[in-house]
């Protein structure tokens, strides 16, 4: 299975789950998650999945291209060409990449 190369640039999240440690599922209960792990579980990559992975993000910091939503609706039409579908998919993943590239922006990710 191959994924866009920017997935590897997303930060790794480590957390400690005492039950996982107690049950022997993870040494000391420490589990690491990558964005690729999350994409596999969600079944897709999108700005919402990326934002949830990072906790919360302000979409306005990394706005979508102006034609993104019309391209989405065009790609969903039964008459959409493979080129239209691919163009939308490429633009969509480009926005996800931009979110990760701006992960350190003080207004993008909010932890509360």
N, C-alpha and C. Protein backbone atom coordinates (compact mmCIF):
# COMPACT_ATOMS: atom_id res chain seq x y z
N UNK A 1 0.86 -1.16 0.00
CA UNK A 1 0.00 0.00 0.00
C UNK A 1 0.91 1.23 0.00
N UNK A 2 0.65 2.15 -0.89
CA UNK A 2 1.47 3.36 -0.91
C UNK A 2 0.60 4.57 -0.57
N UNK A 3 1.24 5.54 0.04
CA UNK A 3 0.56 6.75 0.48
C UNK A 3 1.36 7.96 0.00
N UNK A 4 0.73 9.14 -0.06
CA UNK A 4 1.48 10.34 -0.42
C UNK A 4 2.68 10.52 0.52
N UNK A 5 3.80 10.96 -0.03
CA UNK A 5 5.03 11.06 0.76
C UNK A 5 4.91 12.02 1.94
N UNK A 6 4.03 13.02 1.86
CA UNK A 6 3.92 13.96 2.97
C UNK A 6 3.36 13.33 4.23
N UNK A 7 2.71 12.16 4.12
CA UNK A 7 2.21 11.49 5.31
C UNK A 7 3.36 11.25 6.30
N UNK A 8 4.55 10.94 5.78
CA UNK A 8 5.70 10.66 6.64
C UNK A 8 6.20 11.91 7.36
N UNK A 9 5.82 13.09 6.90
CA UNK A 9 6.26 14.34 7.51
C UNK A 9 5.36 14.77 8.67
N UNK A 10 4.20 14.17 8.78
CA UNK A 10 3.28 14.52 9.87
C UNK A 10 3.88 14.07 11.20
N UNK A 11 3.66 14.83 12.25
CA UNK A 11 4.22 14.44 13.54
C UNK A 11 3.64 13.11 14.02
N UNK A 12 4.47 12.37 14.75
CA UNK A 12 4.03 11.12 15.37
C UNK A 12 3.45 11.46 16.74
N UNK A 13 2.36 10.83 17.07
CA UNK A 13 1.72 11.06 18.37
C UNK A 13 1.99 9.85 19.25
N UNK A 14 2.51 10.11 20.45
CA UNK A 14 2.73 9.05 21.43
C UNK A 14 1.81 9.29 22.61
N UNK A 15 1.20 8.22 23.08
CA UNK A 15 0.38 8.35 24.27
C UNK A 15 0.58 7.12 25.14
N UNK A 16 0.26 7.29 26.40
CA UNK A 16 0.40 6.18 27.33
C UNK A 16 -0.99 5.73 27.76
N UNK A 17 -1.23 4.45 27.56
CA UNK A 17 -2.50 3.84 27.96
C UNK A 17 -2.17 2.81 29.03
N UNK A 18 -2.45 3.12 30.30
CA UNK A 18 -2.11 2.19 31.37
C UNK A 18 -2.70 0.79 31.17
N UNK A 19 -3.89 0.70 30.61
CA UNK A 19 -4.50 -0.61 30.40
C UNK A 19 -3.71 -1.40 29.36
N UNK A 20 -3.23 -0.73 28.30
CA UNK A 20 -2.41 -1.42 27.29
C UNK A 20 -1.14 -1.96 27.93
N UNK A 21 -0.57 -1.21 28.86
CA UNK A 21 0.62 -1.69 29.57
C UNK A 21 0.28 -2.86 30.48
N UNK A 22 -0.79 -2.73 31.23
CA UNK A 22 -1.22 -3.77 32.16
C UNK A 22 -1.52 -5.08 31.44
N UNK A 23 -2.17 -4.99 30.29
CA UNK A 23 -2.54 -6.19 29.53
C UNK A 23 -1.41 -6.70 28.64
N UNK A 24 -0.30 -5.98 28.60
CA UNK A 24 0.83 -6.41 27.80
C UNK A 24 0.71 -6.10 26.32
N UNK A 25 -0.20 -5.22 25.95
CA UNK A 25 -0.38 -4.88 24.54
C UNK A 25 0.70 -3.92 24.04
N UNK A 26 1.26 -3.12 24.94
CA UNK A 26 2.31 -2.16 24.56
C UNK A 26 3.25 -2.00 25.75
N UNK A 27 4.56 -2.04 25.49
CA UNK A 27 5.56 -1.90 26.55
C UNK A 27 5.34 -0.59 27.31
N UNK A 28 5.16 -0.70 28.61
CA UNK A 28 4.87 0.46 29.47
C UNK A 28 3.61 1.21 29.06
N UNK A 29 2.80 0.60 28.21
CA UNK A 29 1.55 1.23 27.79
C UNK A 29 1.73 2.35 26.78
N UNK A 30 2.94 2.51 26.23
CA UNK A 30 3.19 3.59 25.28
C UNK A 30 2.86 3.12 23.87
N UNK A 31 1.97 3.86 23.23
CA UNK A 31 1.54 3.55 21.86
C UNK A 31 1.85 4.76 20.99
N UNK A 32 2.46 4.49 19.83
CA UNK A 32 2.74 5.57 18.88
C UNK A 32 1.81 5.43 17.68
N UNK A 33 1.29 6.56 17.25
CA UNK A 33 0.42 6.61 16.08
C UNK A 33 1.04 7.53 15.04
N UNK A 34 0.95 7.11 13.79
CA UNK A 34 1.36 7.96 12.68
C UNK A 34 0.10 8.38 11.93
N UNK A 35 0.25 9.40 11.10
CA UNK A 35 -0.89 9.81 10.29
C UNK A 35 -1.33 8.67 9.38
N UNK A 36 -0.38 7.88 8.89
CA UNK A 36 -0.72 6.73 8.05
C UNK A 36 -1.61 5.75 8.81
N UNK A 37 -1.31 5.52 10.10
CA UNK A 37 -2.17 4.65 10.92
C UNK A 37 -3.60 5.18 10.94
N UNK A 38 -3.73 6.48 11.12
CA UNK A 38 -5.06 7.09 11.22
C UNK A 38 -5.80 6.99 9.89
N UNK A 39 -5.08 7.20 8.78
CA UNK A 39 -5.70 7.09 7.46
C UNK A 39 -6.20 5.67 7.23
N UNK A 40 -5.42 4.69 7.64
CA UNK A 40 -5.85 3.29 7.49
C UNK A 40 -7.13 3.04 8.29
N UNK A 41 -7.20 3.58 9.50
CA UNK A 41 -8.39 3.36 10.33
C UNK A 41 -9.59 4.14 9.83
N UNK A 42 -9.37 5.36 9.36
CA UNK A 42 -10.47 6.18 8.85
C UNK A 42 -10.92 5.71 7.47
N UNK A 43 -9.99 5.14 6.73
CA UNK A 43 -10.29 4.70 5.38
C UNK A 43 -10.07 5.78 4.33
N UNK A 44 -9.61 6.95 4.77
CA UNK A 44 -9.35 8.04 3.83
C UNK A 44 -8.54 9.13 4.53
N UNK A 45 -8.02 10.04 3.73
CA UNK A 45 -7.31 11.22 4.23
C UNK A 45 -8.05 12.46 3.74
N UNK A 46 -8.32 13.37 4.65
CA UNK A 46 -8.98 14.62 4.29
C UNK A 46 -8.60 15.66 5.33
N UNK A 47 -8.93 16.93 5.10
CA UNK A 47 -8.61 17.95 6.10
C UNK A 47 -9.22 17.65 7.47
N UNK A 48 -10.38 17.04 7.51
CA UNK A 48 -10.99 16.73 8.80
C UNK A 48 -10.19 15.67 9.54
N UNK A 49 -9.77 14.62 8.83
CA UNK A 49 -8.95 13.58 9.46
C UNK A 49 -7.63 14.18 9.92
N UNK A 50 -7.00 15.00 9.07
CA UNK A 50 -5.73 15.63 9.44
C UNK A 50 -5.92 16.52 10.67
N UNK A 51 -6.98 17.31 10.67
CA UNK A 51 -7.24 18.20 11.79
C UNK A 51 -7.53 17.44 13.07
N UNK A 52 -8.31 16.38 12.97
CA UNK A 52 -8.61 15.57 14.15
C UNK A 52 -7.34 14.92 14.67
N UNK A 53 -6.48 14.50 13.75
CA UNK A 53 -5.20 13.90 14.14
C UNK A 53 -4.38 14.91 14.94
N UNK A 54 -4.40 16.14 14.53
CA UNK A 54 -3.63 17.18 15.23
C UNK A 54 -4.39 17.77 16.41
N UNK A 55 -5.61 17.38 16.62
CA UNK A 55 -6.53 17.77 17.68
C UNK A 55 -7.59 18.71 17.12
N UNK A 56 -7.27 19.94 16.92
CA UNK A 56 -8.21 20.92 16.39
C UNK A 56 -7.42 21.87 15.51
N UNK A 57 -7.99 22.25 14.39
CA UNK A 57 -7.29 23.24 13.56
C UNK A 57 -8.27 24.26 13.04
N UNK A 58 -7.76 25.46 12.79
CA UNK A 58 -8.56 26.54 12.22
C UNK A 58 -8.38 26.48 10.71
N UNK A 59 -9.38 26.05 10.02
CA UNK A 59 -9.28 25.86 8.57
C UNK A 59 -8.91 27.15 7.84
N UNK A 60 -9.29 28.29 8.38
CA UNK A 60 -9.01 29.56 7.70
C UNK A 60 -7.52 29.84 7.60
N UNK A 61 -6.71 29.23 8.47
CA UNK A 61 -5.26 29.43 8.40
C UNK A 61 -4.70 28.79 7.13
N UNK A 62 -5.30 27.69 6.71
CA UNK A 62 -4.90 27.00 5.47
C UNK A 62 -6.15 26.85 4.61
N UNK A 63 -6.56 27.93 3.96
CA UNK A 63 -7.81 27.87 3.20
C UNK A 63 -7.71 26.95 1.99
N UNK A 64 -8.82 26.38 1.64
CA UNK A 64 -8.89 25.54 0.44
C UNK A 64 -8.80 26.44 -0.79
N UNK A 65 -8.35 25.85 -1.89
CA UNK A 65 -8.33 26.59 -3.15
C UNK A 65 -9.76 27.01 -3.48
N UNK A 66 -9.94 28.16 -4.10
CA UNK A 66 -11.30 28.66 -4.39
C UNK A 66 -12.17 27.68 -5.17
N UNK A 67 -11.58 26.90 -6.04
CA UNK A 67 -12.36 25.97 -6.85
C UNK A 67 -12.56 24.60 -6.24
N UNK A 68 -12.14 24.41 -4.98
CA UNK A 68 -12.18 23.09 -4.35
C UNK A 68 -13.60 22.52 -4.26
N UNK A 69 -14.54 23.27 -3.73
CA UNK A 69 -15.89 22.73 -3.55
C UNK A 69 -16.59 22.49 -4.89
N UNK A 70 -16.51 23.40 -5.86
CA UNK A 70 -17.10 23.08 -7.16
C UNK A 70 -16.46 21.83 -7.78
N UNK A 71 -15.15 21.68 -7.60
CA UNK A 71 -14.47 20.49 -8.13
C UNK A 71 -14.96 19.22 -7.44
N UNK A 72 -15.24 19.32 -6.14
CA UNK A 72 -15.79 18.18 -5.40
C UNK A 72 -17.13 17.77 -5.99
N UNK A 73 -18.01 18.73 -6.16
CA UNK A 73 -19.34 18.42 -6.70
C UNK A 73 -19.25 17.87 -8.12
N UNK A 74 -18.34 18.42 -8.93
CA UNK A 74 -18.15 17.90 -10.29
C UNK A 74 -17.65 16.46 -10.25
N UNK A 75 -16.70 16.17 -9.35
CA UNK A 75 -16.12 14.83 -9.25
C UNK A 75 -17.14 13.80 -8.77
N UNK A 76 -18.14 14.24 -8.03
CA UNK A 76 -19.16 13.33 -7.52
C UNK A 76 -20.25 13.00 -8.54
N UNK A 77 -20.31 13.76 -9.61
CA UNK A 77 -21.32 13.51 -10.65
C UNK A 77 -21.03 12.19 -11.35
N UNK A 78 -22.07 11.48 -11.73
CA UNK A 78 -21.90 10.22 -12.47
C UNK A 78 -21.16 10.43 -13.78
N UNK A 79 -21.28 11.61 -14.34
CA UNK A 79 -20.65 11.92 -15.62
C UNK A 79 -19.21 12.42 -15.47
N UNK A 80 -18.70 12.46 -14.25
CA UNK A 80 -17.33 12.96 -14.03
C UNK A 80 -16.32 12.08 -14.74
N UNK A 81 -15.37 12.73 -15.37
CA UNK A 81 -14.31 12.00 -16.06
C UNK A 81 -13.26 11.55 -15.04
N UNK A 82 -12.48 10.53 -15.38
CA UNK A 82 -11.38 10.13 -14.50
C UNK A 82 -10.43 11.30 -14.22
N UNK A 83 -10.25 12.17 -15.21
CA UNK A 83 -9.37 13.33 -15.02
C UNK A 83 -9.94 14.30 -13.99
N UNK A 84 -11.27 14.51 -14.03
CA UNK A 84 -11.90 15.39 -13.04
C UNK A 84 -11.76 14.80 -11.63
N UNK A 85 -11.97 13.51 -11.52
CA UNK A 85 -11.86 12.86 -10.22
C UNK A 85 -10.43 12.94 -9.70
N UNK A 86 -9.46 12.70 -10.58
CA UNK A 86 -8.06 12.75 -10.16
C UNK A 86 -7.63 14.17 -9.81
N UNK A 87 -8.09 15.15 -10.57
CA UNK A 87 -7.75 16.55 -10.28
C UNK A 87 -8.28 16.95 -8.90
N UNK A 88 -9.50 16.52 -8.59
CA UNK A 88 -10.04 16.83 -7.27
C UNK A 88 -9.23 16.13 -6.18
N UNK A 89 -8.95 14.84 -6.37
CA UNK A 89 -8.20 14.08 -5.36
C UNK A 89 -6.84 14.71 -5.11
N UNK A 90 -6.18 15.14 -6.16
CA UNK A 90 -4.87 15.77 -6.02
C UNK A 90 -4.98 17.08 -5.24
N UNK A 91 -5.97 17.90 -5.57
CA UNK A 91 -6.17 19.17 -4.86
C UNK A 91 -6.52 18.93 -3.39
N UNK A 92 -7.33 17.92 -3.13
CA UNK A 92 -7.75 17.60 -1.76
C UNK A 92 -6.55 17.20 -0.92
N UNK A 93 -5.72 16.30 -1.44
CA UNK A 93 -4.55 15.85 -0.69
C UNK A 93 -3.51 16.97 -0.57
N UNK A 94 -3.49 17.89 -1.54
CA UNK A 94 -2.59 19.04 -1.43
C UNK A 94 -2.98 19.90 -0.23
N UNK A 95 -4.27 20.05 0.00
CA UNK A 95 -4.70 20.82 1.17
C UNK A 95 -4.31 20.11 2.46
N UNK A 96 -4.46 18.79 2.50
CA UNK A 96 -4.04 18.02 3.68
C UNK A 96 -2.54 18.24 3.92
N UNK A 97 -1.74 18.17 2.83
CA UNK A 97 -0.30 18.39 2.94
C UNK A 97 -0.01 19.77 3.51
N UNK A 98 -0.74 20.78 3.04
CA UNK A 98 -0.53 22.15 3.52
C UNK A 98 -0.86 22.28 5.01
N UNK A 99 -1.86 21.56 5.47
CA UNK A 99 -2.20 21.59 6.89
C UNK A 99 -1.02 21.08 7.70
N UNK A 100 -0.43 19.95 7.28
CA UNK A 100 0.72 19.42 8.01
C UNK A 100 1.93 20.34 7.90
N UNK A 101 2.13 20.96 6.75
CA UNK A 101 3.25 21.89 6.59
C UNK A 101 3.10 23.10 7.51
N UNK A 102 1.89 23.42 7.89
CA UNK A 102 1.63 24.56 8.77
C UNK A 102 1.29 24.13 10.20
N UNK A 103 1.61 22.90 10.55
CA UNK A 103 1.25 22.36 11.87
C UNK A 103 1.82 23.19 13.01
N UNK A 104 2.92 23.88 12.80
CA UNK A 104 3.52 24.70 13.86
C UNK A 104 3.00 26.13 13.88
N UNK A 105 2.10 26.46 12.97
CA UNK A 105 1.53 27.81 12.95
C UNK A 105 0.74 27.99 14.25
N UNK A 106 0.99 29.05 14.99
CA UNK A 106 0.35 29.20 16.30
C UNK A 106 -1.17 29.28 16.26
N UNK A 107 -1.74 29.63 15.13
CA UNK A 107 -3.20 29.73 15.06
C UNK A 107 -3.86 28.53 14.41
N UNK A 108 -3.07 27.59 13.88
CA UNK A 108 -3.65 26.44 13.19
C UNK A 108 -4.12 25.38 14.17
N UNK A 109 -3.25 24.98 15.05
CA UNK A 109 -3.55 23.89 15.97
C UNK A 109 -3.79 24.47 17.35
N UNK A 110 -4.94 24.14 17.92
CA UNK A 110 -5.32 24.66 19.23
C UNK A 110 -5.51 23.48 20.17
N UNK A 111 -4.74 23.44 21.24
CA UNK A 111 -4.88 22.39 22.25
C UNK A 111 -5.50 23.03 23.48
N UNK A 112 -6.63 22.52 23.89
CA UNK A 112 -7.29 23.05 25.09
C UNK A 112 -7.67 21.92 26.00
